[in-house]
C-alpha atoms as a PDB file:
ATOM      1  CA  MET A   1      22.887  25.874  -2.010  1.00  0.00           C
ATOM      2  CA  PRO A   2      25.798  23.850  -3.458  1.00  0.00           C
ATOM      3  CA  LEU A   3      25.544  20.085  -3.301  1.00  0.00           C
ATOM      4  CA  VAL A   4      27.916  18.568  -0.749  1.00  0.00           C
ATOM      5  CA  ARG A   5      28.969  14.993  -1.443  1.00  0.00           C
ATOM      6  CA  LEU A   6      29.477  12.847   1.617  1.00  0.00           C
ATOM      7  CA  PRO A   7      31.158   9.442   1.743  1.00  0.00           C
ATOM      8  CA  VAL A   8      28.572   6.642   1.777  1.00  0.00           C
ATOM      9  CA  SER A   9      29.283   3.225   3.253  1.00  0.00           C
ATOM     10  CA  PRO A  10      28.129   0.050   1.444  1.00  0.00           C
ATOM     11  CA  ALA A  11      25.394  -0.418   4.076  1.00  0.00           C
ATOM     12  CA  ALA A  12      24.197   3.143   3.583  1.00  0.00           C
ATOM     13  CA  ALA A  13      24.198   2.692  -0.186  1.00  0.00           C
ATOM     14  CA  MET A  14      22.015  -0.413   0.150  1.00  0.00           C
ATOM     15  CA  LEU A  15      19.632   1.518   2.396  1.00  0.00           C
ATOM     16  CA  LEU A  16      19.272   4.210  -0.256  1.00  0.00           C
ATOM     17  CA  ILE A  17      18.514   1.553  -2.886  1.00  0.00           C
ATOM     18  CA  LEU A  18      15.826   0.042  -0.662  1.00  0.00           C
ATOM     19  CA  ALA A  19      14.310   3.479  -0.081  1.00  0.00           C
ATOM     20  CA  THR A  20      13.976   4.269  -3.793  1.00  0.00           C
ATOM     21  CA  PRO A  21      10.628   2.481  -4.505  1.00  0.00           C
ATOM     22  CA  VAL A  22       8.837   4.251  -1.657  1.00  0.00           C
ATOM     23  CA  MET A  23      10.402   7.590  -2.561  1.00  0.00           C
ATOM     24  CA  ALA A  24       9.251   7.146  -6.155  1.00  0.00           C
ATOM     25  CA  ARG A  25       5.642   6.530  -5.090  1.00  0.00           C
ATOM     26  CA  ALA A  26       5.560   9.449  -2.656  1.00  0.00           C
ATOM     27  CA  GLN A  27       4.200  12.803  -3.762  1.00  0.00           C
ATOM     28  CA  ALA A  28       6.647  15.690  -4.107  1.00  0.00           C
ATOM     29  CA  PRO A  29       5.396  17.581  -1.000  1.00  0.00           C
ATOM     30  CA  SER A  30       6.210  14.601   1.275  1.00  0.00           C
ATOM     31  CA  SER A  31       8.255  15.672   4.281  1.00  0.00           C
ATOM     32  CA  GLY A  32      10.364  12.539   4.200  1.00  0.00           C
ATOM     33  CA  VAL A  33      10.893   8.822   4.021  1.00  0.00           C
ATOM     34  CA  TYR A  34      11.439   7.162   7.385  1.00  0.00           C
ATOM     35  CA  MET A  35      13.033   3.842   8.164  1.00  0.00           C
ATOM     36  CA  LEU A  36      11.489   1.343  10.521  1.00  0.00           C
ATOM     37  CA  ASP A  37      13.094   1.283  13.965  1.00  0.00           C
ATOM     38  CA  ARG A  38      13.030  -2.455  14.634  1.00  0.00           C
ATOM     39  CA  ALA A  39      13.960  -2.172  18.307  1.00  0.00           C
ATOM     40  CA  ALA A  40      10.838  -0.093  18.934  1.00  0.00           C
ATOM     41  CA  SER A  41       8.515  -2.029  16.607  1.00  0.00           C
ATOM     42  CA  MET A  42       6.721  -5.376  16.518  1.00  0.00           C
ATOM     43  CA  VAL A  43       4.882  -7.686  14.131  1.00  0.00           C
ATOM     44  CA  ARG A  44       2.629 -10.099  16.027  1.00  0.00           C
ATOM     45  CA  PHE A  45      -0.138 -12.555  15.207  1.00  0.00           C
ATOM     46  CA  THR A  46      -2.752 -14.641  17.011  1.00  0.00           C
ATOM     47  CA  LEU A  47      -3.947 -18.085  15.919  1.00  0.00           C
ATOM     48  CA  TYR A  48      -7.287 -19.494  17.049  1.00  0.00           C
ATOM     49  CA  GLY A  49      -8.268 -23.147  17.040  1.00  0.00           C
ATOM     50  CA  SER A  50     -10.101 -25.954  18.787  1.00  0.00           C
ATOM     51  CA  ALA A  51      -9.571 -29.608  19.633  1.00  0.00           C
ATOM     52  CA  ILE A  52     -11.499 -30.745  22.663  1.00  0.00           C
ATOM     53  CA  PHE A  53     -11.243 -27.159  23.916  1.00  0.00           C
ATOM     54  CA  LYS A  54     -10.596 -23.710  22.534  1.00  0.00           C
ATOM     55  CA  ILE A  55      -7.014 -22.751  21.755  1.00  0.00           C
ATOM     56  CA  GLN A  56      -5.432 -19.357  21.296  1.00  0.00           C
ATOM     57  CA  LYS A  57      -1.736 -18.983  20.471  1.00  0.00           C
ATOM     58  CA  ASP A  58       0.268 -15.802  20.037  1.00  0.00           C
ATOM     59  CA  GLY A  59       3.454 -15.443  18.037  1.00  0.00           C
ATOM     60  CA  TYR A  60       5.652 -12.806  16.492  1.00  0.00           C
ATOM     61  CA  PHE A  61       8.358 -12.245  13.900  1.00  0.00           C
ATOM     62  CA  LYS A  62      11.768 -11.211  15.171  1.00  0.00           C
ATOM     63  CA  ASP A  63      13.221  -9.856  11.924  1.00  0.00           C
ATOM     64  CA  PHE A  64      11.598  -7.283   9.647  1.00  0.00           C
ATOM     65  CA  SER A  65      12.412  -4.032   7.870  1.00  0.00           C
ATOM     66  CA  GLY A  66      10.471  -1.281   6.232  1.00  0.00           C
ATOM     67  CA  LEU A  67      10.015   2.280   5.080  1.00  0.00           C
ATOM     68  CA  VAL A  68       7.229   4.821   5.566  1.00  0.00           C
ATOM     69  CA  SER A  69       6.780   7.899   3.368  1.00  0.00           C
ATOM     70  CA  TYR A  70       4.826  10.383   5.469  1.00  0.00           C
ATOM     71  CA  ASP A  71       3.851  14.047   5.450  1.00  0.00           C
ATOM     72  CA  PRO A  72       1.614  15.099   8.386  1.00  0.00           C
ATOM     73  CA  ALA A  73       0.132  17.828   6.190  1.00  0.00           C
ATOM     74  CA  ARG A  74      -0.831  15.268   3.500  1.00  0.00           C
ATOM     75  CA  PRO A  75      -1.747  12.004   5.294  1.00  0.00           C
ATOM     76  CA  ALA A  76      -3.439  10.594   2.185  1.00  0.00           C
ATOM     77  CA  ASP A  77       0.003  10.530   0.527  1.00  0.00           C
ATOM     78  CA  THR A  78       1.287   8.076   3.142  1.00  0.00           C
ATOM     79  CA  ARG A  79       3.014   5.018   1.710  1.00  0.00           C
ATOM     80  CA  VAL A  80       4.217   1.941   3.600  1.00  0.00           C
ATOM     81  CA  ASP A  81       6.577  -0.834   2.554  1.00  0.00           C
ATOM     82  CA  LEU A  82       7.155  -3.678   5.030  1.00  0.00           C
ATOM     83  CA  THR A  83       9.176  -6.881   4.585  1.00  0.00           C
ATOM     84  CA  VAL A  84       9.128  -9.670   7.190  1.00  0.00           C
ATOM     85  CA  ASP A  85      11.586 -12.565   7.437  1.00  0.00           C
ATOM     86  CA  ALA A  86       9.224 -15.563   7.566  1.00  0.00           C
ATOM     87  CA  ALA A  87      11.884 -17.811   9.116  1.00  0.00           C
ATOM     88  CA  SER A  88      12.129 -15.480  12.124  1.00  0.00           C
ATOM     89  CA  ILE A  89       8.738 -16.671  13.378  1.00  0.00           C
ATOM     90  CA  ASP A  90       8.660 -17.306  17.121  1.00  0.00           C
ATOM     91  CA  MET A  91       5.807 -18.874  19.087  1.00  0.00           C
ATOM     92  CA  ARG A  92       8.033 -19.705  22.062  1.00  0.00           C
ATOM     93  CA  ASN A  93       7.649 -23.361  21.152  1.00  0.00           C
ATOM     94  CA  SER A  94      10.184 -24.978  18.809  1.00  0.00           C
ATOM     95  CA  ALA A  95       7.736 -27.607  17.517  1.00  0.00           C
ATOM     96  CA  ASN A  96       5.174 -24.945  16.602  1.00  0.00           C
ATOM     97  CA  ASP A  97       7.887 -22.817  15.006  1.00  0.00           C
ATOM     98  CA  GLU A  98       9.069 -25.666  12.799  1.00  0.00           C
ATOM     99  CA  LEU A  99       5.517 -26.540  11.777  1.00  0.00           C
ATOM    100  CA  LEU A 100       4.792 -22.989  10.674  1.00  0.00           C
ATOM    101  CA  LYS A 101       8.099 -22.797   8.774  1.00  0.00           C
ATOM    102  CA  SER A 102       7.330 -26.049   6.955  1.00  0.00           C
ATOM    103  CA  GLY A 103       5.810 -26.590   3.520  1.00  0.00           C
ATOM    104  CA  GLU A 104       2.380 -26.938   5.143  1.00  0.00           C
ATOM    105  CA  PHE A 105       2.397 -23.296   6.128  1.00  0.00           C
ATOM    106  CA  PHE A 106       4.923 -20.550   5.248  1.00  0.00           C
ATOM    107  CA  ASP A 107       7.345 -22.865   3.394  1.00  0.00           C
ATOM    108  CA  VAL A 108      10.219 -20.548   4.289  1.00  0.00           C
ATOM    109  CA  GLU A 109      12.706 -22.511   2.177  1.00  0.00           C
ATOM    110  CA  HIS A 110      10.935 -21.406  -0.997  1.00  0.00           C
ATOM    111  CA  TYR A 111       9.219 -18.211   0.230  1.00  0.00           C
ATOM    112  CA  PRO A 112      11.568 -16.535   2.725  1.00  0.00           C
ATOM    113  CA  THR A 113       9.709 -13.229   3.078  1.00  0.00           C
ATOM    114  CA  ILE A 114       6.278 -11.767   3.728  1.00  0.00           C
ATOM    115  CA  HIS A 115       5.754  -8.416   2.059  1.00  0.00           C
ATOM    116  CA  PHE A 116       3.200  -5.610   2.212  1.00  0.00           C
ATOM    117  CA  THR A 117       3.447  -2.554  -0.011  1.00  0.00           C
ATOM    118  CA  SER A 118       0.765   0.114  -0.077  1.00  0.00           C
ATOM    119  CA  GLU A 119      -0.616   1.832  -3.149  1.00  0.00           C
ATOM    120  CA  SER A 120      -3.052   4.356  -1.676  1.00  0.00           C
ATOM    121  CA  ALA A 121      -4.391   5.745   1.576  1.00  0.00           C
ATOM    122  CA  ALA A 122      -7.692   7.379   2.477  1.00  0.00           C
ATOM    123  CA  VAL A 123      -8.319   9.548   5.519  1.00  0.00           C
ATOM    124  CA  GLN A 124     -11.328   8.439   7.587  1.00  0.00           C
ATOM    125  CA  PRO A 125     -13.657  10.755   9.563  1.00  0.00           C
ATOM    126  CA  ASP A 126     -12.001   9.754  12.844  1.00  0.00           C
ATOM    127  CA  GLY A 127      -8.562  10.724  11.509  1.00  0.00           C
ATOM    128  CA  THR A 128      -7.315   7.167  10.944  1.00  0.00           C
ATOM    129  CA  LEU A 129      -6.231   5.896   7.536  1.00  0.00           C
ATOM    130  CA  SER A 130      -7.491   3.083   5.352  1.00  0.00           C
ATOM    131  CA  VAL A 131      -4.375   1.871   3.586  1.00  0.00           C
ATOM    132  CA  THR A 132      -4.800  -0.257   0.464  1.00  0.00           C
ATOM    133  CA  GLY A 133      -1.964  -2.343  -0.889  1.00  0.00           C
ATOM    134  CA  ASP A 134      -0.656  -5.769  -1.826  1.00  0.00           C
ATOM    135  CA  MET A 135       0.079  -8.447   0.759  1.00  0.00           C
ATOM    136  CA  THR A 136       2.323 -11.279  -0.443  1.00  0.00           C
ATOM    137  CA  ILE A 137       2.594 -14.482   1.602  1.00  0.00           C
ATOM    138  CA  ARG A 138       3.962 -17.772   0.280  1.00  0.00           C
ATOM    139  CA  GLY A 139       4.273 -16.204  -3.168  1.00  0.00           C
ATOM    140  CA  ILE A 140       0.549 -15.356  -3.300  1.00  0.00           C
ATOM    141  CA  THR A 141      -0.398 -11.678  -3.563  1.00  0.00           C
ATOM    142  CA  ARG A 142      -3.760 -10.314  -2.475  1.00  0.00           C
ATOM    143  CA  ARG A 143      -5.001  -6.741  -2.560  1.00  0.00           C
ATOM    144  CA  MET A 144      -6.321  -5.690   0.841  1.00  0.00           C
ATOM    145  CA  THR A 145      -7.236  -2.606   2.850  1.00  0.00           C
ATOM    146  CA  ILE A 146      -6.099  -2.283   6.454  1.00  0.00           C
ATOM    147  CA  PRO A 147      -6.920   0.302   9.157  1.00  0.00           C
ATOM    148  CA  VAL A 148      -3.948   2.388  10.238  1.00  0.00           C
ATOM    149  CA  THR A 149      -3.381   4.860  13.025  1.00  0.00           C
ATOM    150  CA  LEU A 150      -0.455   7.071  12.072  1.00  0.00           C
ATOM    151  CA  ARG A 151       0.896  10.042  13.975  1.00  0.00           C
ATOM    152  CA  PRO A 152       4.024  12.189  13.701  1.00  0.00           C
ATOM    153  CA  VAL A 153       6.782  11.911  16.273  1.00  0.00           C
ATOM    154  CA  ALA A 154       8.713  15.093  17.016  1.00  0.00           C
ATOM    155  CA  THR A 155      11.466  16.234  19.355  1.00  0.00           C
ATOM    156  CA  ALA A 156      10.839  18.725  22.143  1.00  0.00           C
ATOM    157  CA  GLY A 157      11.844  21.446  19.704  1.00  0.00           C
ATOM    158  CA  GLY A 158       9.187  20.356  17.219  1.00  0.00           C
ATOM    159  CA  THR A 159      11.554  18.844  14.654  1.00  0.00           C
ATOM    160  CA  MET A 160       9.973  15.965  12.739  1.00  0.00           C
ATOM    161  CA  GLN A 161      11.724  12.739  13.766  1.00  0.00           C
ATOM    162  CA  GLY A 162       9.490  10.050  12.332  1.00  0.00           C
ATOM    163  CA  ALA A 163       6.057   8.517  12.707  1.00  0.00           C
ATOM    164  CA  ALA A 164       4.279   5.869  14.766  1.00  0.00           C
ATOM    165  CA  PHE A 165       2.200   3.364  12.791  1.00  0.00           C
ATOM    166  CA  ASP A 166      -0.281   0.919  14.317  1.00  0.00           C
ATOM    167  CA  SER A 167      -2.668  -1.551  12.682  1.00  0.00           C
ATOM    168  CA  THR A 168      -4.720  -4.566  13.772  1.00  0.00           C
ATOM    169  CA  PHE A 169      -6.526  -6.606  11.119  1.00  0.00           C
ATOM    170  CA  GLN A 170      -7.385 -10.150  10.082  1.00  0.00           C
ATOM    171  CA  ILE A 171      -6.428 -12.275   7.101  1.00  0.00           C
ATOM    172  CA  ASP A 172      -7.855 -15.540   5.804  1.00  0.00           C
ATOM    173  CA  ARG A 173      -4.798 -17.812   5.925  1.00  0.00           C
ATOM    174  CA  THR A 174      -6.250 -20.176   3.293  1.00  0.00           C
ATOM    175  CA  GLU A 175      -6.208 -17.348   0.720  1.00  0.00           C
ATOM    176  CA  PHE A 176      -2.414 -17.428   0.976  1.00  0.00           C
ATOM    177  CA  GLY A 177      -2.000 -21.203   0.811  1.00  0.00           C
ATOM    178  CA  LEU A 178      -1.451 -21.655   4.563  1.00  0.00           C
ATOM    179  CA  ASN A 179      -3.484 -24.838   4.664  1.00  0.00           C
ATOM    180  CA  GLY A 180      -1.595 -27.062   7.076  1.00  0.00           C
ATOM    181  CA  THR A 181      -2.969 -28.901  10.089  1.00  0.00           C
ATOM    182  CA  ALA A 182      -1.685 -29.340  13.623  1.00  0.00           C
ATOM    183  CA  SER A 183      -2.111 -31.623  16.599  1.00  0.00           C
ATOM    184  CA  ARG A 184      -2.025 -31.090  20.342  1.00  0.00           C
ATOM    185  CA  TYR A 185      -1.895 -33.760  23.013  1.00  0.00           C
ATOM    186  CA  GLY A 186      -2.603 -36.326  20.321  1.00  0.00           C
ATOM    187  CA  PHE A 187      -5.749 -34.563  19.099  1.00  0.00           C
ATOM    188  CA  HIS A 188      -6.229 -33.000  15.677  1.00  0.00           C
ATOM    189  CA  VAL A 189      -6.467 -29.198  15.988  1.00  0.00           C
ATOM    190  CA  ASN A 190      -8.895 -27.275  13.825  1.00  0.00           C
ATOM    191  CA  ILE A 191      -7.125 -24.002  13.149  1.00  0.00           C
ATOM    192  CA  SER A 192      -9.389 -21.077  12.318  1.00  0.00           C
ATOM    193  CA  LYS A 193      -9.062 -19.602   8.850  1.00  0.00           C
ATOM    194  CA  LYS A 194      -8.927 -16.137  10.383  1.00  0.00           C
ATOM    195  CA  VAL A 195      -5.592 -14.970  11.793  1.00  0.00           C
ATOM    196  CA  GLN A 196      -5.294 -11.678  13.626  1.00  0.00           C
ATOM    197  CA  ILE A 197      -2.283  -9.541  12.749  1.00  0.00           C
ATOM    198  CA  GLN A 198      -0.984  -6.671  14.865  1.00  0.00           C
ATOM    199  CA  ILE A 199       1.676  -4.318  13.536  1.00  0.00           C
ATOM    200  CA  ALA A 200       3.162  -1.537  15.657  1.00  0.00           C
ATOM    201  CA  ILE A 201       5.937   0.405  13.954  1.00  0.00           C
ATOM    202  CA  ALA A 202       8.109   3.258  15.111  1.00  0.00           C
ATOM    203  CA  THR A 203      10.205   5.044  12.503  1.00  0.00           C
ATOM    204  CA  GLN A 204      13.082   7.465  12.364  1.00  0.00           C
ATOM    205  CA  PRO A 205      14.681   9.534   9.592  1.00  0.00           C
ATOM    206  CA  ILE A 206      16.935   7.640   7.217  1.00  0.00           C
ATOM    207  CA  THR A 207      19.557  10.351   7.657  1.00  0.00           C
ATOM    208  CA  SER A 208      19.911   9.441  11.336  1.00  0.00           C
ATOM    209  CA  GLN A 209      20.732   5.882  10.307  1.00  0.00           C
ATOM    210  CA  LEU A 210      23.227   6.927   7.635  1.00  0.00           C
ATOM    211  CA  SER A 211      25.128   9.090  10.114  1.00  0.00           C
ATOM    212  CA  ARG A 212      25.805   6.210  12.492  1.00  0.00           C
END
């Protein structure tokens, strides 16, 4: 079949450049590279702490982007690349937001993004994946393995339209230099080292984005 060249906008060209690293890591049989659908996705976290009583605070990041290389016939070839805008943190409290953006925590002025890129995936007996990759927060990179539920998303006609990705896991915030302290009602708050992360991602084919 002859190659047909289509005009590509600057935005589309940038998208293709961003897709290249994941495409390069994917195996040849992969059915496609899918772009994160931000409107249908979320990146959330839960902080735990104590002062004179137990505290639990939820937050999320409003801005993020990513790519998933996925073939339902070869789930172990799955690759994920996710970038989060650290300054988009939202705890529905401006004081808490500013604290977490500060040099005591994410230091968004010097480290504007949080990044996870996978290197391998292993299929578990229950059909879920254990995805191993590098998490970078505040310029510190740690190798970690996270549990992932990943399933194909198809149209009524059976055409592959993307994948749904879901993961809940914990990190030790002190391993990434997030060592700040907080106060509440005048009391010092002991924030737990463990932070729970929840990622729910919906994807769609890159071609559907380029055609818009």
